[in-house]
Amino acid sequence: MRVHLLKQRRLRFPMLETHPVSLRSGRALVTTGIGPDLFQAARDATLGMVEEVGRRAGLDPIDAYLLASVAGDLKISEIVDQPNWVVSMHLDLDTLSGGA
């Protein structure tokens, strides 16, 4: 695992990129939501993805939301550390680079 510190970035929850040999078909951007309410954690993971997609791709929030809603996968990542549920949203990085 490699860890990079992004200075001057204020993230509410962890964000990561996965390796191509993960469960996805290639590298993916992953945003998370963590908290006692599973639905709020899902909203937080989605909001994190919308913000990051907008930042990386230069999209307006509504366009980033539309992209995340059709190309992103929302997953319950952890439920064993009650009450801290972890929800993650995964988006193939090729989606942001136009498949290149």
PDB file of N, CA and C in Angstrom:
ATOM      1  N   MET A   1       0.848  -1.159   0.000  1.00  0.00           N
ATOM      2  CA  MET A   1       0.000   0.000   0.000  1.00  0.00           C
ATOM      3  C   MET A   1       0.900   1.229   0.000  1.00  0.00           C
ATOM      4  N   ARG A   2       0.504   2.218  -0.786  1.00  0.00           N
ATOM      5  CA  ARG A   2       1.180   3.507  -0.805  1.00  0.00           C
ATOM      6  C   ARG A   2       0.226   4.556  -0.250  1.00  0.00           C
ATOM      7  N   VAL A   3       0.760   5.430   0.564  1.00  0.00           N
ATOM      8  CA  VAL A   3      -0.039   6.498   1.142  1.00  0.00           C
ATOM      9  C   VAL A   3       0.553   7.824   0.696  1.00  0.00           C
ATOM     10  N   HIS A   4      -0.317   8.700   0.199  1.00  0.00           N
ATOM     11  CA  HIS A   4       0.104  10.035  -0.223  1.00  0.00           C
ATOM     12  C   HIS A   4      -0.704  11.050   0.565  1.00  0.00           C
ATOM     13  N   LEU A   5      -0.009  12.019   1.090  1.00  0.00           N
ATOM     14  CA  LEU A   5      -0.658  13.105   1.795  1.00  0.00           C
ATOM     15  C   LEU A   5      -0.938  14.230   0.811  1.00  0.00           C
ATOM     16  N   LEU A   6      -2.185  14.598   0.690  1.00  0.00           N
ATOM     17  CA  LEU A   6      -2.566  15.699  -0.187  1.00  0.00           C
ATOM     18  C   LEU A   6      -2.661  16.956   0.674  1.00  0.00           C
ATOM     19  N   LYS A   7      -1.641  17.773   0.631  1.00  0.00           N
ATOM     20  CA  LYS A   7      -1.629  18.987   1.443  1.00  0.00           C
ATOM     21  C   LYS A   7      -2.674  19.960   0.927  1.00  0.00           C
ATOM     22  N   GLN A   8      -3.202  20.744   1.838  1.00  0.00           N
ATOM     23  CA  GLN A   8      -4.210  21.756   1.525  1.00  0.00           C
ATOM     24  C   GLN A   8      -5.526  21.156   1.055  1.00  0.00           C
ATOM     25  N   ARG A   9      -5.748  19.883   1.286  1.00  0.00           N
ATOM     26  CA  ARG A   9      -7.037  19.237   0.949  1.00  0.00           C
ATOM     27  C   ARG A   9      -7.723  18.880   2.252  1.00  0.00           C
ATOM     28  N   ARG A  10      -8.936  19.284   2.414  1.00  0.00           N
ATOM     29  CA  ARG A  10      -9.696  18.966   3.615  1.00  0.00           C
ATOM     30  C   ARG A  10     -10.755  17.937   3.229  1.00  0.00           C
ATOM     31  N   LEU A  11     -10.485  16.687   3.540  1.00  0.00           N
ATOM     32  CA  LEU A  11     -11.423  15.602   3.250  1.00  0.00           C
ATOM     33  C   LEU A  11     -12.184  15.265   4.523  1.00  0.00           C
ATOM     34  N   ARG A  12     -13.480  15.085   4.409  1.00  0.00           N
ATOM     35  CA  ARG A  12     -14.269  14.695   5.574  1.00  0.00           C
ATOM     36  C   ARG A  12     -14.086  13.222   5.908  1.00  0.00           C
ATOM     37  N   PHE A  13     -13.840  12.401   4.868  1.00  0.00           N
ATOM     38  CA  PHE A  13     -13.665  10.976   5.047  1.00  0.00           C
ATOM     39  C   PHE A  13     -12.541  10.512   4.138  1.00  0.00           C
ATOM     40  N   PRO A  14     -11.978   9.338   4.397  1.00  0.00           N
ATOM     41  CA  PRO A  14     -10.876   8.851   3.555  1.00  0.00           C
ATOM     42  C   PRO A  14     -11.288   8.690   2.089  1.00  0.00           C
ATOM     43  N   MET A  15     -10.306   8.898   1.204  1.00  0.00           N
ATOM     44  CA  MET A  15     -10.477   8.690  -0.220  1.00  0.00           C
ATOM     45  C   MET A  15      -9.258   7.914  -0.691  1.00  0.00           C
ATOM     46  N   LEU A  16      -9.452   7.004  -1.637  1.00  0.00           N
ATOM     47  CA  LEU A  16      -8.338   6.201  -2.106  1.00  0.00           C
ATOM     48  C   LEU A  16      -8.504   5.836  -3.562  1.00  0.00           C
ATOM     49  N   GLU A  17      -7.434   5.319  -4.135  1.00  0.00           N
ATOM     50  CA  GLU A  17      -7.471   4.749  -5.478  1.00  0.00           C
ATOM     51  C   GLU A  17      -7.025   3.307  -5.357  1.00  0.00           C
ATOM     52  N   THR A  18      -7.748   2.408  -6.013  1.00  0.00           N
ATOM     53  CA  THR A  18      -7.427   0.988  -5.935  1.00  0.00           C
ATOM     54  C   THR A  18      -6.493   0.583  -7.074  1.00  0.00           C
ATOM     55  N   HIS A  19      -5.837  -0.514  -6.869  1.00  0.00           N
ATOM     56  CA  HIS A  19      -4.927  -1.098  -7.853  1.00  0.00           C
ATOM     57  C   HIS A  19      -5.748  -1.866  -8.892  1.00  0.00           C
ATOM     58  N   PRO A  20      -5.226  -2.008 -10.119  1.00  0.00           N
ATOM     59  CA  PRO A  20      -5.980  -2.726 -11.158  1.00  0.00           C
ATOM     60  C   PRO A  20      -6.355  -4.166 -10.811  1.00  0.00           C
ATOM     61  N   VAL A  21      -5.659  -4.808  -9.889  1.00  0.00           N
ATOM     62  CA  VAL A  21      -5.987  -6.203  -9.576  1.00  0.00           C
ATOM     63  C   VAL A  21      -7.042  -6.323  -8.476  1.00  0.00           C
ATOM     64  N   SER A  22      -7.656  -5.194  -8.112  1.00  0.00           N
ATOM     65  CA  SER A  22      -8.712  -5.262  -7.109  1.00  0.00           C
ATOM     66  C   SER A  22      -9.959  -5.883  -7.735  1.00  0.00           C
ATOM     67  N   LEU A  23     -11.051  -5.831  -7.035  1.00  0.00           N
ATOM     68  CA  LEU A  23     -12.298  -6.424  -7.525  1.00  0.00           C
ATOM     69  C   LEU A  23     -12.839  -5.752  -8.772  1.00  0.00           C
ATOM     70  N   ARG A  24     -12.369  -4.563  -9.076  1.00  0.00           N
ATOM     71  CA  ARG A  24     -12.835  -3.825 -10.237  1.00  0.00           C
ATOM     72  C   ARG A  24     -12.091  -4.297 -11.479  1.00  0.00           C
ATOM     73  N   SER A  25     -12.474  -3.797 -12.627  1.00  0.00           N
ATOM     74  CA  SER A  25     -11.802  -4.159 -13.872  1.00  0.00           C
ATOM     75  C   SER A  25     -10.529  -3.356 -14.088  1.00  0.00           C
ATOM     76  N   GLY A  26     -10.293  -2.385 -13.274  1.00  0.00           N
ATOM     77  CA  GLY A  26      -9.093  -1.556 -13.374  1.00  0.00           C
ATOM     78  C   GLY A  26      -9.000  -0.651 -12.168  1.00  0.00           C
ATOM     79  N   ARG A  27      -8.141   0.347 -12.259  1.00  0.00           N
ATOM     80  CA  ARG A  27      -7.993   1.277 -11.143  1.00  0.00           C
ATOM     81  C   ARG A  27      -9.298   2.020 -10.913  1.00  0.00           C
ATOM     82  N   ALA A  28      -9.576   2.287  -9.655  1.00  0.00           N
ATOM     83  CA  ALA A  28     -10.819   2.979  -9.318  1.00  0.00           C
ATOM     84  C   ALA A  28     -10.564   4.059  -8.288  1.00  0.00           C
ATOM     85  N   LEU A  29     -11.342   5.109  -8.370  1.00  0.00           N
ATOM     86  CA  LEU A  29     -11.401   6.136  -7.348  1.00  0.00           C
ATOM     87  C   LEU A  29     -12.445   5.675  -6.347  1.00  0.00           C
ATOM     88  N   VAL A  30     -12.130   5.785  -5.058  1.00  0.00           N
ATOM     89  CA  VAL A  30     -13.061   5.337  -4.022  1.00  0.00           C
ATOM     90  C   VAL A  30     -13.225   6.445  -2.995  1.00  0.00           C
ATOM     91  N   THR A  31     -14.465   6.824  -2.741  1.00  0.00           N
ATOM     92  CA  THR A  31     -14.767   7.768  -1.676  1.00  0.00           C
ATOM     93  C   THR A  31     -15.569   7.028  -0.614  1.00  0.00           C
ATOM     94  N   THR A  32     -15.512   7.519   0.618  1.00  0.00           N
ATOM     95  CA  THR A  32     -16.170   6.806   1.710  1.00  0.00           C
ATOM     96  C   THR A  32     -17.063   7.728   2.519  1.00  0.00           C
ATOM     97  N   GLY A  33     -17.995   7.100   3.185  1.00  0.00           N
ATOM     98  CA  GLY A  33     -18.821   7.747   4.188  1.00  0.00           C
ATOM     99  C   GLY A  33     -18.801   6.857   5.408  1.00  0.00           C
ATOM    100  N   ILE A  34     -18.626   7.435   6.574  1.00  0.00           N
ATOM    101  CA  ILE A  34     -18.485   6.661   7.810  1.00  0.00           C
ATOM    102  C   ILE A  34     -19.364   7.295   8.875  1.00  0.00           C
ATOM    103  N   GLY A  35     -20.156   6.469   9.561  1.00  0.00           N
ATOM    104  CA  GLY A  35     -20.959   7.006  10.641  1.00  0.00           C
ATOM    105  C   GLY A  35     -21.996   6.021  11.138  1.00  0.00           C
ATOM    106  N   PRO A  36     -22.786   6.447  12.123  1.00  0.00           N
ATOM    107  CA  PRO A  36     -23.766   5.558  12.735  1.00  0.00           C
ATOM    108  C   PRO A  36     -25.034   5.359  11.912  1.00  0.00           C
ATOM    109  N   ASP A  37     -25.247   6.186  10.896  1.00  0.00           N
ATOM    110  CA  ASP A  37     -26.430   6.072  10.049  1.00  0.00           C
ATOM    111  C   ASP A  37     -25.991   5.588   8.668  1.00  0.00           C
ATOM    112  N   LEU A  38     -26.419   4.398   8.294  1.00  0.00           N
ATOM    113  CA  LEU A  38     -26.002   3.791   7.030  1.00  0.00           C
ATOM    114  C   LEU A  38     -26.381   4.654   5.825  1.00  0.00           C
ATOM    115  N   PHE A  39     -27.576   5.224   5.845  1.00  0.00           N
ATOM    116  CA  PHE A  39     -28.026   6.043   4.727  1.00  0.00           C
ATOM    117  C   PHE A  39     -27.236   7.343   4.628  1.00  0.00           C
ATOM    118  N   GLN A  40     -26.910   7.945   5.767  1.00  0.00           N
ATOM    119  CA  GLN A  40     -26.109   9.167   5.749  1.00  0.00           C
ATOM    120  C   GLN A  40     -24.698   8.850   5.274  1.00  0.00           C
ATOM    121  N   ALA A  41     -24.160   7.704   5.662  1.00  0.00           N
ATOM    122  CA  ALA A  41     -22.831   7.299   5.180  1.00  0.00           C
ATOM    123  C   ALA A  41     -22.851   7.137   3.657  1.00  0.00           C
ATOM    124  N   ALA A  42     -23.936   6.592   3.118  1.00  0.00           N
ATOM    125  CA  ALA A  42     -24.065   6.466   1.660  1.00  0.00           C
ATOM    126  C   ALA A  42     -24.128   7.845   1.003  1.00  0.00           C
ATOM    127  N   ARG A  43     -24.864   8.767   1.605  1.00  0.00           N
ATOM    128  CA  ARG A  43     -24.927  10.133   1.074  1.00  0.00           C
ATOM    129  C   ARG A  43     -23.550  10.795   1.108  1.00  0.00           C
ATOM    130  N   ASP A  44     -22.823  10.599   2.206  1.00  0.00           N
ATOM    131  CA  ASP A  44     -21.496  11.198   2.335  1.00  0.00           C
ATOM    132  C   ASP A  44     -20.527  10.639   1.300  1.00  0.00           C
ATOM    133  N   ALA A  45     -20.569   9.330   1.063  1.00  0.00           N
ATOM    134  CA  ALA A  45     -19.701   8.725   0.053  1.00  0.00           C
ATOM    135  C   ALA A  45     -20.044   9.264  -1.334  1.00  0.00           C
ATOM    136  N   THR A  46     -21.334   9.425  -1.605  1.00  0.00           N
ATOM    137  CA  THR A  46     -21.771   9.948  -2.896  1.00  0.00           C
ATOM    138  C   THR A  46     -21.367  11.410  -3.054  1.00  0.00           C
ATOM    139  N   LEU A  47     -21.564  12.209  -2.023  1.00  0.00           N
ATOM    140  CA  LEU A  47     -21.167  13.610  -2.074  1.00  0.00           C
ATOM    141  C   LEU A  47     -19.663  13.742  -2.290  1.00  0.00           C
ATOM    142  N   GLY A  48     -18.887  12.900  -1.594  1.00  0.00           N
ATOM    143  CA  GLY A  48     -17.439  12.917  -1.787  1.00  0.00           C
ATOM    144  C   GLY A  48     -17.060  12.604  -3.225  1.00  0.00           C
ATOM    145  N   MET A  49     -17.762  11.655  -3.843  1.00  0.00           N
ATOM    146  CA  MET A  49     -17.480  11.299  -5.234  1.00  0.00           C
ATOM    147  C   MET A  49     -17.859  12.442  -6.164  1.00  0.00           C
ATOM    148  N   VAL A  50     -19.010  13.037  -5.947  1.00  0.00           N
ATOM    149  CA  VAL A  50     -19.455  14.145  -6.794  1.00  0.00           C
ATOM    150  C   VAL A  50     -18.448  15.292  -6.711  1.00  0.00           C
ATOM    151  N   GLU A  51     -17.999  15.612  -5.519  1.00  0.00           N
ATOM    152  CA  GLU A  51     -17.022  16.699  -5.356  1.00  0.00           C
ATOM    153  C   GLU A  51     -15.706  16.366  -6.046  1.00  0.00           C
ATOM    154  N   GLU A  52     -15.222  15.132  -5.894  1.00  0.00           N
ATOM    155  CA  GLU A  52     -13.932  14.763  -6.480  1.00  0.00           C
ATOM    156  C   GLU A  52     -14.012  14.637  -7.993  1.00  0.00           C
ATOM    157  N   VAL A  53     -15.102  14.088  -8.502  1.00  0.00           N
ATOM    158  CA  VAL A  53     -15.279  14.003  -9.958  1.00  0.00           C
ATOM    159  C   VAL A  53     -15.356  15.414 -10.547  1.00  0.00           C
ATOM    160  N   GLY A  54     -16.084  16.294  -9.888  1.00  0.00           N
ATOM    161  CA  GLY A  54     -16.159  17.668 -10.352  1.00  0.00           C
ATOM    162  C   GLY A  54     -14.798  18.335 -10.356  1.00  0.00           C
ATOM    163  N   ARG A  55     -14.017  18.103  -9.316  1.00  0.00           N
ATOM    164  CA  ARG A  55     -12.684  18.697  -9.214  1.00  0.00           C
ATOM    165  C   ARG A  55     -11.747  18.151 -10.281  1.00  0.00           C
ATOM    166  N   ARG A  56     -11.718  16.823 -10.436  1.00  0.00           N
ATOM    167  CA  ARG A  56     -10.786  16.199 -11.378  1.00  0.00           C
ATOM    168  C   ARG A  56     -11.168  16.418 -12.837  1.00  0.00           C
ATOM    169  N   ALA A  57     -12.463  16.382 -13.117  1.00  0.00           N
ATOM    170  CA  ALA A  57     -12.908  16.468 -14.513  1.00  0.00           C
ATOM    171  C   ALA A  57     -13.387  17.867 -14.903  1.00  0.00           C
ATOM    172  N   GLY A  58     -13.439  18.770 -13.940  1.00  0.00           N
ATOM    173  CA  GLY A  58     -13.890  20.116 -14.246  1.00  0.00           C
ATOM    174  C   GLY A  58     -15.362  20.184 -14.577  1.00  0.00           C
ATOM    175  N   LEU A  59     -16.151  19.326 -13.957  1.00  0.00           N
ATOM    176  CA  LEU A  59     -17.590  19.282 -14.236  1.00  0.00           C
ATOM    177  C   LEU A  59     -18.374  20.083 -13.198  1.00  0.00           C
ATOM    178  N   ASP A  60     -19.500  20.622 -13.623  1.00  0.00           N
ATOM    179  CA  ASP A  60     -20.424  21.225 -12.677  1.00  0.00           C
ATOM    180  C   ASP A  60     -20.954  20.125 -11.764  1.00  0.00           C
ATOM    181  N   PRO A  61     -21.364  20.473 -10.532  1.00  0.00           N
ATOM    182  CA  PRO A  61     -21.849  19.449  -9.597  1.00  0.00           C
ATOM    183  C   PRO A  61     -22.959  18.565 -10.163  1.00  0.00           C
ATOM    184  N   ILE A  62     -23.900  19.129 -10.911  1.00  0.00           N
ATOM    185  CA  ILE A  62     -24.996  18.311 -11.444  1.00  0.00           C
ATOM    186  C   ILE A  62     -24.480  17.305 -12.459  1.00  0.00           C
ATOM    187  N   ASP A  63     -23.505  17.699 -13.280  1.00  0.00           N
ATOM    188  CA  ASP A  63     -22.936  16.777 -14.259  1.00  0.00           C
ATOM    189  C   ASP A  63     -22.091  15.706 -13.572  1.00  0.00           C
ATOM    190  N   ALA A  64     -21.361  16.094 -12.529  1.00  0.00           N
ATOM    191  CA  ALA A  64     -20.583  15.117 -11.763  1.00  0.00           C
ATOM    192  C   ALA A  64     -21.512  14.119 -11.078  1.00  0.00           C
ATOM    193  N   TYR A  65     -22.646  14.609 -10.584  1.00  0.00           N
ATOM    194  CA  TYR A  65     -23.644  13.735  -9.954  1.00  0.00           C
ATOM    195  C   TYR A  65     -24.212  12.749 -10.967  1.00  0.00           C
ATOM    196  N   LEU A  66     -24.540  13.239 -12.154  1.00  0.00           N
ATOM    197  CA  LEU A  66     -25.084  12.355 -13.190  1.00  0.00           C
ATOM    198  C   LEU A  66     -24.067  11.278 -13.571  1.00  0.00           C
ATOM    199  N   LEU A  67     -22.801  11.657 -13.723  1.00  0.00           N
ATOM    200  CA  LEU A  67     -21.767  10.678 -14.050  1.00  0.00           C
ATOM    201  C   LEU A  67     -21.624   9.647 -12.932  1.00  0.00           C
ATOM    202  N   ALA A  68     -21.551  10.110 -11.702  1.00  0.00           N
ATOM    203  CA  ALA A  68     -21.415   9.184 -10.571  1.00  0.00           C
ATOM    204  C   ALA A  68     -22.615   8.255 -10.453  1.00  0.00           C
ATOM    205  N   SER A  69     -23.801   8.767 -10.770  1.00  0.00           N
ATOM    206  CA  SER A  69     -25.012   7.945 -10.612  1.00  0.00           C
ATOM    207  C   SER A  69     -25.085   6.814 -11.631  1.00  0.00           C
ATOM    208  N   VAL A  70     -24.497   6.996 -12.816  1.00  0.00           N
ATOM    209  CA  VAL A  70     -24.562   5.943 -13.823  1.00  0.00           C
ATOM    210  C   VAL A  70     -23.289   5.099 -13.894  1.00  0.00           C
ATOM    211  N   ALA A  71     -22.156   5.645 -13.468  1.00  0.00           N
ATOM    212  CA  ALA A  71     -20.896   4.910 -13.601  1.00  0.00           C
ATOM    213  C   ALA A  71     -20.316   4.456 -12.266  1.00  0.00           C
ATOM    214  N   GLY A  72     -20.837   4.963 -11.163  1.00  0.00           N
ATOM    215  CA  GLY A  72     -20.311   4.614  -9.844  1.00  0.00           C
ATOM    216  C   GLY A  72     -21.054   3.448  -9.224  1.00  0.00           C
ATOM    217  N   ASP A  73     -20.352   2.743  -8.344  1.00  0.00           N
ATOM    218  CA  ASP A  73     -20.946   1.635  -7.594  1.00  0.00           C
ATOM    219  C   ASP A  73     -20.886   1.966  -6.113  1.00  0.00           C
ATOM    220  N   LEU A  74     -22.032   1.975  -5.462  1.00  0.00           N
ATOM    221  CA  LEU A  74     -22.115   2.230  -4.035  1.00  0.00           C
ATOM    222  C   LEU A  74     -22.115   0.891  -3.318  1.00  0.00           C
ATOM    223  N   LYS A  75     -21.222   0.738  -2.326  1.00  0.00           N
ATOM    224  CA  LYS A  75     -21.083  -0.544  -1.633  1.00  0.00           C
ATOM    225  C   LYS A  75     -21.054  -0.344  -0.127  1.00  0.00           C
ATOM    226  N   ILE A  76     -21.652  -1.275   0.587  1.00  0.00           N
ATOM    227  CA  ILE A  76     -21.475  -1.307   2.032  1.00  0.00           C
ATOM    228  C   ILE A  76     -20.148  -2.020   2.264  1.00  0.00           C
ATOM    229  N   SER A  77     -19.175  -1.305   2.803  1.00  0.00           N
ATOM    230  CA  SER A  77     -17.832  -1.851   2.946  1.00  0.00           C
ATOM    231  C   SER A  77     -17.585  -2.483   4.302  1.00  0.00           C
ATOM    232  N   GLU A  78     -18.247  -1.963   5.332  1.00  0.00           N
ATOM    233  CA  GLU A  78     -18.016  -2.517   6.667  1.00  0.00           C
ATOM    234  C   GLU A  78     -19.220  -2.271   7.551  1.00  0.00           C
ATOM    235  N   ILE A  79     -19.674  -3.335   8.201  1.00  0.00           N
ATOM    236  CA  ILE A  79     -20.769  -3.185   9.163  1.00  0.00           C
ATOM    237  C   ILE A  79     -20.419  -3.813  10.508  1.00  0.00           C
ATOM    238  N   VAL A  80     -19.202  -4.309  10.642  1.00  0.00           N
ATOM    239  CA  VAL A  80     -18.840  -5.026  11.866  1.00  0.00           C
ATOM    240  C   VAL A  80     -18.395  -4.110  12.995  1.00  0.00           C
ATOM    241  N   ASP A  81     -18.060  -2.861  12.700  1.00  0.00           N
ATOM    242  CA  ASP A  81     -17.574  -1.942  13.718  1.00  0.00           C
ATOM    243  C   ASP A  81     -18.706  -1.032  14.186  1.00  0.00           C
ATOM    244  N   GLN A  82     -19.809  -1.671  14.597  1.00  0.00           N
ATOM    245  CA  GLN A  82     -20.990  -0.928  15.006  1.00  0.00           C
ATOM    246  C   GLN A  82     -20.636   0.082  16.078  1.00  0.00           C
ATOM    247  N   PRO A  83     -21.083   1.307  15.994  1.00  0.00           N
ATOM    248  CA  PRO A  83     -22.038   1.859  15.050  1.00  0.00           C
ATOM    249  C   PRO A  83     -21.377   2.616  13.897  1.00  0.00           C
ATOM    250  N   ASN A  84     -20.133   2.325  13.576  1.00  0.00           N
ATOM    251  CA  ASN A  84     -19.429   3.055  12.531  1.00  0.00           C
ATOM    252  C   ASN A  84     -19.502   2.311  11.210  1.00  0.00           C
ATOM    253  N   TRP A  85     -20.610   2.463  10.497  1.00  0.00           N
ATOM    254  CA  TRP A  85     -20.780   1.825   9.201  1.00  0.00           C
ATOM    255  C   TRP A  85     -19.899   2.542   8.180  1.00  0.00           C
ATOM    256  N   VAL A  86     -19.327   1.779   7.266  1.00  0.00           N
ATOM    257  CA  VAL A  86     -18.506   2.353   6.207  1.00  0.00           C
ATOM    258  C   VAL A  86     -19.152   2.010   4.867  1.00  0.00           C
ATOM    259  N   VAL A  87     -19.447   3.038   4.102  1.00  0.00           N
ATOM    260  CA  VAL A  87     -20.000   2.886   2.764  1.00  0.00           C
ATOM    261  C   VAL A  87     -18.989   3.492   1.806  1.00  0.00           C
ATOM    262  N   SER A  88     -18.756   2.826   0.678  1.00  0.00           N
ATOM    263  CA  SER A  88     -17.817   3.361  -0.302  1.00  0.00           C
ATOM    264  C   SER A  88     -18.478   3.458  -1.667  1.00  0.00           C
ATOM    265  N   MET A  89     -18.037   4.452  -2.422  1.00  0.00           N
ATOM    266  CA  MET A  89     -18.482   4.597  -3.799  1.00  0.00           C
ATOM    267  C   MET A  89     -17.247   4.440  -4.673  1.00  0.00           C
ATOM    268  N   HIS A  90     -17.336   3.551  -5.659  1.00  0.00           N
ATOM    269  CA  HIS A  90     -16.224   3.240  -6.559  1.00  0.00           C
ATOM    270  C   HIS A  90     -16.560   3.733  -7.961  1.00  0.00           C
ATOM    271  N   LEU A  91     -15.552   4.327  -8.617  1.00  0.00           N
ATOM    272  CA  LEU A  91     -15.702   4.795  -9.991  1.00  0.00           C
ATOM    273  C   LEU A  91     -14.407   4.471 -10.725  1.00  0.00           C
ATOM    274  N   ASP A  92     -14.520   3.707 -11.828  1.00  0.00           N
ATOM    275  CA  ASP A  92     -13.325   3.380 -12.607  1.00  0.00           C
ATOM    276  C   ASP A  92     -12.640   4.665 -13.047  1.00  0.00           C
ATOM    277  N   LEU A  93     -11.332   4.745 -12.820  1.00  0.00           N
ATOM    278  CA  LEU A  93     -10.586   5.942 -13.203  1.00  0.00           C
ATOM    279  C   LEU A  93     -10.582   6.151 -14.708  1.00  0.00           C
ATOM    280  N   ASP A  94     -10.721   5.079 -15.498  1.00  0.00           N
ATOM    281  CA  ASP A  94     -10.801   5.235 -16.940  1.00  0.00           C
ATOM    282  C   ASP A  94     -12.007   6.080 -17.350  1.00  0.00           C
ATOM    283  N   THR A  95     -13.047   6.079 -16.524  1.00  0.00           N
ATOM    284  CA  THR A  95     -14.221   6.892 -16.803  1.00  0.00           C
ATOM    285  C   THR A  95     -13.862   8.373 -16.819  1.00  0.00           C
ATOM    286  N   LEU A  96     -12.973   8.779 -15.929  1.00  0.00           N
ATOM    287  CA  LEU A  96     -12.572  10.182 -15.857  1.00  0.00           C
ATOM    288  C   LEU A  96     -11.587  10.571 -16.934  1.00  0.00           C
ATOM    289  N   SER A  97     -10.836   9.590 -17.445  1.00  0.00           N
ATOM    290  CA  SER A  97      -9.839   9.905 -18.466  1.00  0.00           C
ATOM    291  C   SER A  97     -10.343   9.595 -19.871  1.00  0.00           C
ATOM    292  N   GLY A  98     -11.618   9.279 -19.984  1.00  0.00           N
ATOM    293  CA  GLY A  98     -12.192   8.986 -21.291  1.00  0.00           C
ATOM    294  C   GLY A  98     -11.810   7.617 -21.824  1.00  0.00           C
ATOM    295  N   GLY A  99     -11.429   6.704 -20.912  1.00  0.00           N
ATOM    296  CA  GLY A  99     -11.087   5.340 -21.313  1.00  0.00           C
ATOM    297  C   GLY A  99      -9.662   5.177 -21.800  1.00  0.00           C
ATOM    298  N   ALA A 100      -8.875   6.220 -21.661  1.00  0.00           N
ATOM    299  CA  ALA A 100      -7.475   6.151 -22.123  1.00  0.00           C
ATOM    300  C   ALA A 100      -6.590   5.500 -21.105  1.00  0.00           C
TER     301      ALA A 100
END
